[in-house]
Amino acid sequence: MSLPYDLRPILKKPLGKLIKGDPHATHAKLGQIFSNKKPVKIASVGDYVTKNLLEKGPQPDIAIVDNRIMRQEINPIIFERPHKHVKNEAGTISSQAYKVLKRAIMLKKKLAIIVEGEEDLLVLPLMVMMPIGSVIVNGF
């Protein structure tokens, strides 16, 4: 599925609670949110936010990365958990990525999804499929 051009400006705006600030401040705020509401599942979308959660907690159940930050290649995150590789072109949600996301949500163990292409839009099916009470942390 490819994202229609008329939806692109709409999806550039945050679709949830936007936490602004330096990494230390945003992580502290996120910690407050998680202590008040114990998420059913946690997903992270993006290398920067995933790296920070893996280092500082809480650990995401589903971690989605593409080995890029702000379209610049970075050293890949080394995952000490099962992981799947999927192809997902920019501006799309591939059927392969969708199927892996669906399976990851049903799993009882943590999974990393490493995207060849772009992971940005994969937050959309997560929003629809994750159980009520889950949290998706998305950022650069």
C-alpha atoms as a PDB file:
ATOM      1  CA  MET A   1       0.000   0.000   0.000  1.00  0.00           C
ATOM      2  CA  SER A   2       1.381   3.411  -0.960  1.00  0.00           C
ATOM      3  CA  LEU A   3       0.628   6.637   0.916  1.00  0.00           C
ATOM      4  CA  PRO A   4      -1.449   9.053  -1.192  1.00  0.00           C
ATOM      5  CA  TYR A   5       0.274  12.399  -1.644  1.00  0.00           C
ATOM      6  CA  ASP A   6      -2.680  14.352  -0.210  1.00  0.00           C
ATOM      7  CA  LEU A   7      -2.294  12.535   3.149  1.00  0.00           C
ATOM      8  CA  ARG A   8       1.424  13.292   3.528  1.00  0.00           C
ATOM      9  CA  PRO A   9       0.990  16.800   5.033  1.00  0.00           C
ATOM     10  CA  ILE A  10      -1.609  15.453   7.482  1.00  0.00           C
ATOM     11  CA  LEU A  11       0.679  12.653   8.661  1.00  0.00           C
ATOM     12  CA  LYS A  12       3.585  15.038   9.258  1.00  0.00           C
ATOM     13  CA  LYS A  13       1.730  16.287  12.338  1.00  0.00           C
ATOM     14  CA  PRO A  14       2.038  14.244  15.551  1.00  0.00           C
ATOM     15  CA  LEU A  15      -0.823  11.774  16.013  1.00  0.00           C
ATOM     16  CA  GLY A  16      -0.489  11.488  19.776  1.00  0.00           C
ATOM     17  CA  LYS A  17       1.170  13.162  22.722  1.00  0.00           C
ATOM     18  CA  LEU A  18       4.266  15.071  21.585  1.00  0.00           C
ATOM     19  CA  ILE A  19       7.062  15.178  24.146  1.00  0.00           C
ATOM     20  CA  LYS A  20       9.585  17.906  23.313  1.00  0.00           C
ATOM     21  CA  GLY A  21      12.971  18.543  24.850  1.00  0.00           C
ATOM     22  CA  ASP A  22      16.441  17.112  25.154  1.00  0.00           C
ATOM     23  CA  PRO A  23      16.786  13.316  25.414  1.00  0.00           C
ATOM     24  CA  HIS A  24      17.191  13.341  29.214  1.00  0.00           C
ATOM     25  CA  ALA A  25      14.049  15.442  29.760  1.00  0.00           C
ATOM     26  CA  THR A  26      11.935  13.498  27.282  1.00  0.00           C
ATOM     27  CA  HIS A  27      13.003  10.176  28.743  1.00  0.00           C
ATOM     28  CA  ALA A  28      12.124  11.403  32.242  1.00  0.00           C
ATOM     29  CA  LYS A  29       8.679  12.487  31.034  1.00  0.00           C
ATOM     30  CA  LEU A  30       8.207   9.139  29.310  1.00  0.00           C
ATOM     31  CA  GLY A  31       9.164   7.409  32.567  1.00  0.00           C
ATOM     32  CA  GLN A  32       6.456   9.387  34.384  1.00  0.00           C
ATOM     33  CA  ILE A  33       3.876   8.371  31.797  1.00  0.00           C
ATOM     34  CA  PHE A  34       4.879   4.706  32.090  1.00  0.00           C
ATOM     35  CA  SER A  35       4.799   4.766  35.887  1.00  0.00           C
ATOM     36  CA  ASN A  36       1.248   6.195  35.859  1.00  0.00           C
ATOM     37  CA  LYS A  37      -0.027   3.853  33.156  1.00  0.00           C
ATOM     38  CA  LYS A  38       1.471   0.407  32.864  1.00  0.00           C
ATOM     39  CA  PRO A  39       1.352  -0.251  29.112  1.00  0.00           C
ATOM     40  CA  VAL A  40       0.051  -3.597  27.884  1.00  0.00           C
ATOM     41  CA  LYS A  41       2.690  -3.523  25.144  1.00  0.00           C
ATOM     42  CA  ILE A  42       5.354  -1.007  24.139  1.00  0.00           C
ATOM     43  CA  ALA A  43       6.524  -0.487  20.566  1.00  0.00           C
ATOM     44  CA  SER A  44       9.269   1.826  19.373  1.00  0.00           C
ATOM     45  CA  VAL A  45       9.542   3.107  15.825  1.00  0.00           C
ATOM     46  CA  GLY A  46      12.781   4.812  14.828  1.00  0.00           C
ATOM     47  CA  ASP A  47      16.437   4.168  15.542  1.00  0.00           C
ATOM     48  CA  TYR A  48      17.070   7.043  17.936  1.00  0.00           C
ATOM     49  CA  VAL A  49      14.105   6.384  20.202  1.00  0.00           C
ATOM     50  CA  THR A  50      14.661   2.612  20.065  1.00  0.00           C
ATOM     51  CA  LYS A  51      18.336   2.965  20.997  1.00  0.00           C
ATOM     52  CA  ASN A  52      17.426   5.179  23.959  1.00  0.00           C
ATOM     53  CA  LEU A  53      14.720   2.815  25.210  1.00  0.00           C
ATOM     54  CA  LEU A  54      17.012  -0.189  24.877  1.00  0.00           C
ATOM     55  CA  GLU A  55      19.721   1.611  26.858  1.00  0.00           C
ATOM     56  CA  LYS A  56      17.573   3.306  29.522  1.00  0.00           C
ATOM     57  CA  GLY A  57      14.287   1.386  29.544  1.00  0.00           C
ATOM     58  CA  PRO A  58      11.576   0.536  29.464  1.00  0.00           C
ATOM     59  CA  GLN A  59      12.329  -2.191  26.956  1.00  0.00           C
ATOM     60  CA  PRO A  60      10.007  -2.118  23.945  1.00  0.00           C
ATOM     61  CA  ASP A  61       8.195  -5.337  23.099  1.00  0.00           C
ATOM     62  CA  ILE A  62       8.461  -4.442  19.410  1.00  0.00           C
ATOM     63  CA  ALA A  63      11.426  -2.393  18.175  1.00  0.00           C
ATOM     64  CA  ILE A  64      11.358  -1.148  14.571  1.00  0.00           C
ATOM     65  CA  VAL A  65      14.469   0.398  12.996  1.00  0.00           C
ATOM     66  CA  ASP A  66      15.911   1.097   9.558  1.00  0.00           C
ATOM     67  CA  ASN A  67      19.533   1.898  10.524  1.00  0.00           C
ATOM     68  CA  ARG A  68      19.046   5.601   9.731  1.00  0.00           C
ATOM     69  CA  ILE A  69      18.470   8.758  11.705  1.00  0.00           C
ATOM     70  CA  MET A  70      17.209  11.786   9.799  1.00  0.00           C
ATOM     71  CA  ARG A  71      17.901   9.852   6.561  1.00  0.00           C
ATOM     72  CA  GLN A  72      21.587   9.434   7.488  1.00  0.00           C
ATOM     73  CA  GLU A  73      22.964   5.907   7.801  1.00  0.00           C
ATOM     74  CA  ILE A  74      24.078   4.934  11.306  1.00  0.00           C
ATOM     75  CA  ASN A  75      25.809   1.968  12.866  1.00  0.00           C
ATOM     76  CA  PRO A  76      23.153  -0.717  13.196  1.00  0.00           C
ATOM     77  CA  ILE A  77      21.706  -1.445  16.614  1.00  0.00           C
ATOM     78  CA  ILE A  78      22.833  -4.868  17.782  1.00  0.00           C
ATOM     79  CA  PHE A  79      19.772  -6.643  19.129  1.00  0.00           C
ATOM     80  CA  GLU A  80      20.037  -9.333  21.788  1.00  0.00           C
ATOM     81  CA  ARG A  81      16.577 -10.601  20.928  1.00  0.00           C
ATOM     82  CA  PRO A  82      14.967 -12.345  17.979  1.00  0.00           C
ATOM     83  CA  HIS A  83      14.691 -10.141  14.920  1.00  0.00           C
ATOM     84  CA  LYS A  84      13.142 -10.159  11.478  1.00  0.00           C
ATOM     85  CA  HIS A  85      14.241  -8.342   8.344  1.00  0.00           C
ATOM     86  CA  VAL A  86      11.569  -6.828   6.096  1.00  0.00           C
ATOM     87  CA  LYS A  87      11.540  -4.720   2.954  1.00  0.00           C
ATOM     88  CA  ASN A  88       9.438  -1.565   3.039  1.00  0.00           C
ATOM     89  CA  GLU A  89       9.914   1.209   0.507  1.00  0.00           C
ATOM     90  CA  ALA A  90       9.568   4.866   1.486  1.00  0.00           C
ATOM     91  CA  GLY A  91       5.964   6.068   1.522  1.00  0.00           C
ATOM     92  CA  THR A  92       4.564   2.538   1.696  1.00  0.00           C
ATOM     93  CA  ILE A  93       3.443  -0.204   4.036  1.00  0.00           C
ATOM     94  CA  SER A  94       4.533  -3.444   2.391  1.00  0.00           C
ATOM     95  CA  SER A  95       2.482  -6.591   2.834  1.00  0.00           C
ATOM     96  CA  GLN A  96       5.605  -8.298   4.188  1.00  0.00           C
ATOM     97  CA  ALA A  97       6.074  -5.605   6.861  1.00  0.00           C
ATOM     98  CA  TYR A  98       2.363  -5.670   7.736  1.00  0.00           C
ATOM     99  CA  LYS A  99       2.414  -9.449   8.234  1.00  0.00           C
ATOM    100  CA  VAL A 100       5.518  -9.309  10.433  1.00  0.00           C
ATOM    101  CA  LEU A 101       3.979  -6.510  12.534  1.00  0.00           C
ATOM    102  CA  LYS A 102       0.793  -8.507  12.999  1.00  0.00           C
ATOM    103  CA  ARG A 103       2.779 -11.554  14.093  1.00  0.00           C
ATOM    104  CA  ALA A 104       4.997  -9.461  16.406  1.00  0.00           C
ATOM    105  CA  ILE A 105       1.954  -8.062  18.200  1.00  0.00           C
ATOM    106  CA  MET A 106       0.636 -11.568  18.882  1.00  0.00           C
ATOM    107  CA  LEU A 107       3.988 -12.863  20.190  1.00  0.00           C
ATOM    108  CA  LYS A 108       4.568 -13.110  23.915  1.00  0.00           C
ATOM    109  CA  LYS A 109       8.303 -12.337  23.498  1.00  0.00           C
ATOM    110  CA  LYS A 110      10.186  -9.260  22.388  1.00  0.00           C
ATOM    111  CA  LEU A 111      10.980  -8.842  18.688  1.00  0.00           C
ATOM    112  CA  ALA A 112      13.060  -6.426  16.639  1.00  0.00           C
ATOM    113  CA  ILE A 113      12.079  -5.580  13.081  1.00  0.00           C
ATOM    114  CA  ILE A 114      14.894  -4.323  10.885  1.00  0.00           C
ATOM    115  CA  VAL A 115      13.572  -2.539   7.829  1.00  0.00           C
ATOM    116  CA  GLU A 116      15.347  -2.341   4.519  1.00  0.00           C
ATOM    117  CA  GLY A 117      13.910   0.901   3.222  1.00  0.00           C
ATOM    118  CA  GLU A 118      11.909   3.140   5.535  1.00  0.00           C
ATOM    119  CA  GLU A 119      10.070   2.411   8.775  1.00  0.00           C
ATOM    120  CA  ASP A 120       8.183   5.701   9.265  1.00  0.00           C
ATOM    121  CA  LEU A 121       4.712   4.603   8.122  1.00  0.00           C
ATOM    122  CA  LEU A 122       4.806   1.331  10.043  1.00  0.00           C
ATOM    123  CA  VAL A 123       3.529   3.255  13.043  1.00  0.00           C
ATOM    124  CA  LEU A 124       0.096   3.388  11.339  1.00  0.00           C
ATOM    125  CA  PRO A 125      -0.687  -0.353  11.356  1.00  0.00           C
ATOM    126  CA  LEU A 126       0.745  -0.526  14.888  1.00  0.00           C
ATOM    127  CA  MET A 127      -1.789   2.093  15.988  1.00  0.00           C
ATOM    128  CA  VAL A 128      -4.610  -0.032  14.625  1.00  0.00           C
ATOM    129  CA  MET A 129      -3.407  -3.486  15.689  1.00  0.00           C
ATOM    130  CA  MET A 130      -1.819  -3.012  19.129  1.00  0.00           C
ATOM    131  CA  PRO A 131      -3.974  -3.924  22.120  1.00  0.00           C
ATOM    132  CA  ILE A 132      -5.815  -1.148  23.949  1.00  0.00           C
ATOM    133  CA  GLY A 133      -3.557   0.183  26.687  1.00  0.00           C
ATOM    134  CA  SER A 134      -0.395  -0.107  24.587  1.00  0.00           C
ATOM    135  CA  VAL A 135       2.089   2.685  23.925  1.00  0.00           C
ATOM    136  CA  ILE A 136       3.942   3.457  20.711  1.00  0.00           C
ATOM    137  CA  VAL A 137       7.037   5.620  21.067  1.00  0.00           C
ATOM    138  CA  ASN A 138       7.890   7.163  17.715  1.00  0.00           C
ATOM    139  CA  GLY A 139      10.616   9.641  16.943  1.00  0.00           C
ATOM    140  CA  PHE A 140      13.888  10.311  15.273  1.00  0.00           C
END
